Amino acid sequence: MPRLHTDDRAVGMYVIVHVGSAITEVDEAEGEQTLAVLRAMAGAVEAELGGSLRGSVI
């Protein structure tokens, strides 16, 4: 579990993580949008490399 640099900690919260530490909390809409972008990036990498990133967190 990442170390949180935020005051509140709760299951289900969205946070931005850098080098294993949660550095800031974001609202659900921004969290979902960020996940969608990361998933699209993973799909682009898979298409470019012709391989799967299935073992990743995304």
Protein backbone atom coordinates (compact mmCIF):
# COMPACT_ATOMS: atom_id res chain seq x y z
CA MET A 1 0.00 0.00 0.00
CA PRO A 2 1.39 3.41 -0.91
CA ARG A 3 2.27 5.82 1.87
CA LEU A 4 -0.21 8.70 1.87
CA HIS A 5 0.86 12.31 2.04
CA THR A 6 -2.78 13.29 2.46
CA ASP A 7 -4.51 13.91 5.79
CA ASP A 8 -7.53 11.68 5.23
CA ARG A 9 -7.28 8.00 4.41
CA ALA A 10 -10.28 5.97 3.33
CA VAL A 11 -11.04 2.95 1.19
CA GLY A 12 -12.31 4.07 -2.20
CA MET A 13 -10.62 7.46 -2.32
CA TYR A 14 -8.79 8.46 -5.49
CA VAL A 15 -5.20 9.65 -5.16
CA ILE A 16 -2.30 10.52 -7.43
CA VAL A 17 0.64 8.21 -6.67
CA HIS A 18 4.26 8.99 -7.44
CA VAL A 19 7.09 6.58 -6.60
CA GLY A 20 4.87 4.58 -4.25
CA SER A 21 3.48 7.51 -2.25
CA ALA A 22 0.04 9.03 -2.62
CA ILE A 23 0.79 12.70 -3.00
CA THR A 24 -2.69 14.18 -3.39
CA GLU A 25 -6.34 13.22 -3.36
CA VAL A 26 -8.57 13.87 -6.38
CA ASP A 27 -12.34 13.69 -6.71
CA GLU A 28 -14.01 10.66 -8.26
CA ALA A 29 -14.61 12.29 -11.65
CA GLU A 30 -10.95 13.29 -12.03
CA GLY A 31 -9.84 9.86 -10.79
CA GLU A 32 -12.00 8.07 -13.35
CA GLN A 33 -10.82 10.40 -16.12
CA THR A 34 -7.18 9.76 -15.18
CA LEU A 35 -7.75 5.99 -15.19
CA ALA A 36 -9.36 6.21 -18.63
CA VAL A 37 -6.34 8.12 -19.99
CA LEU A 38 -3.89 5.62 -18.46
CA ARG A 39 -5.84 2.69 -19.89
CA ALA A 40 -5.86 4.34 -23.34
CA MET A 41 -2.11 4.87 -23.08
CA ALA A 42 -1.62 1.20 -22.18
CA GLY A 43 -3.72 0.23 -25.20
CA ALA A 44 -1.60 2.44 -27.45
CA VAL A 45 1.61 0.89 -26.10
CA GLU A 46 0.23 -2.62 -26.63
CA ALA A 47 -0.71 -1.73 -30.21
CA GLU A 48 2.72 -0.21 -30.87
CA LEU A 49 4.69 -3.08 -29.32
CA GLY A 50 2.36 -5.85 -30.38
CA GLY A 51 2.29 -7.26 -26.83
CA SER A 52 0.16 -7.25 -23.74
CA LEU A 53 0.57 -5.20 -20.57
CA ARG A 54 -1.89 -7.43 -18.70
CA GLY A 55 0.28 -7.80 -15.59
CA SER A 56 0.22 -4.06 -14.90
CA VAL A 57 -1.88 -2.24 -12.31
CA ILE A 58 -3.73 -0.35 -15.00
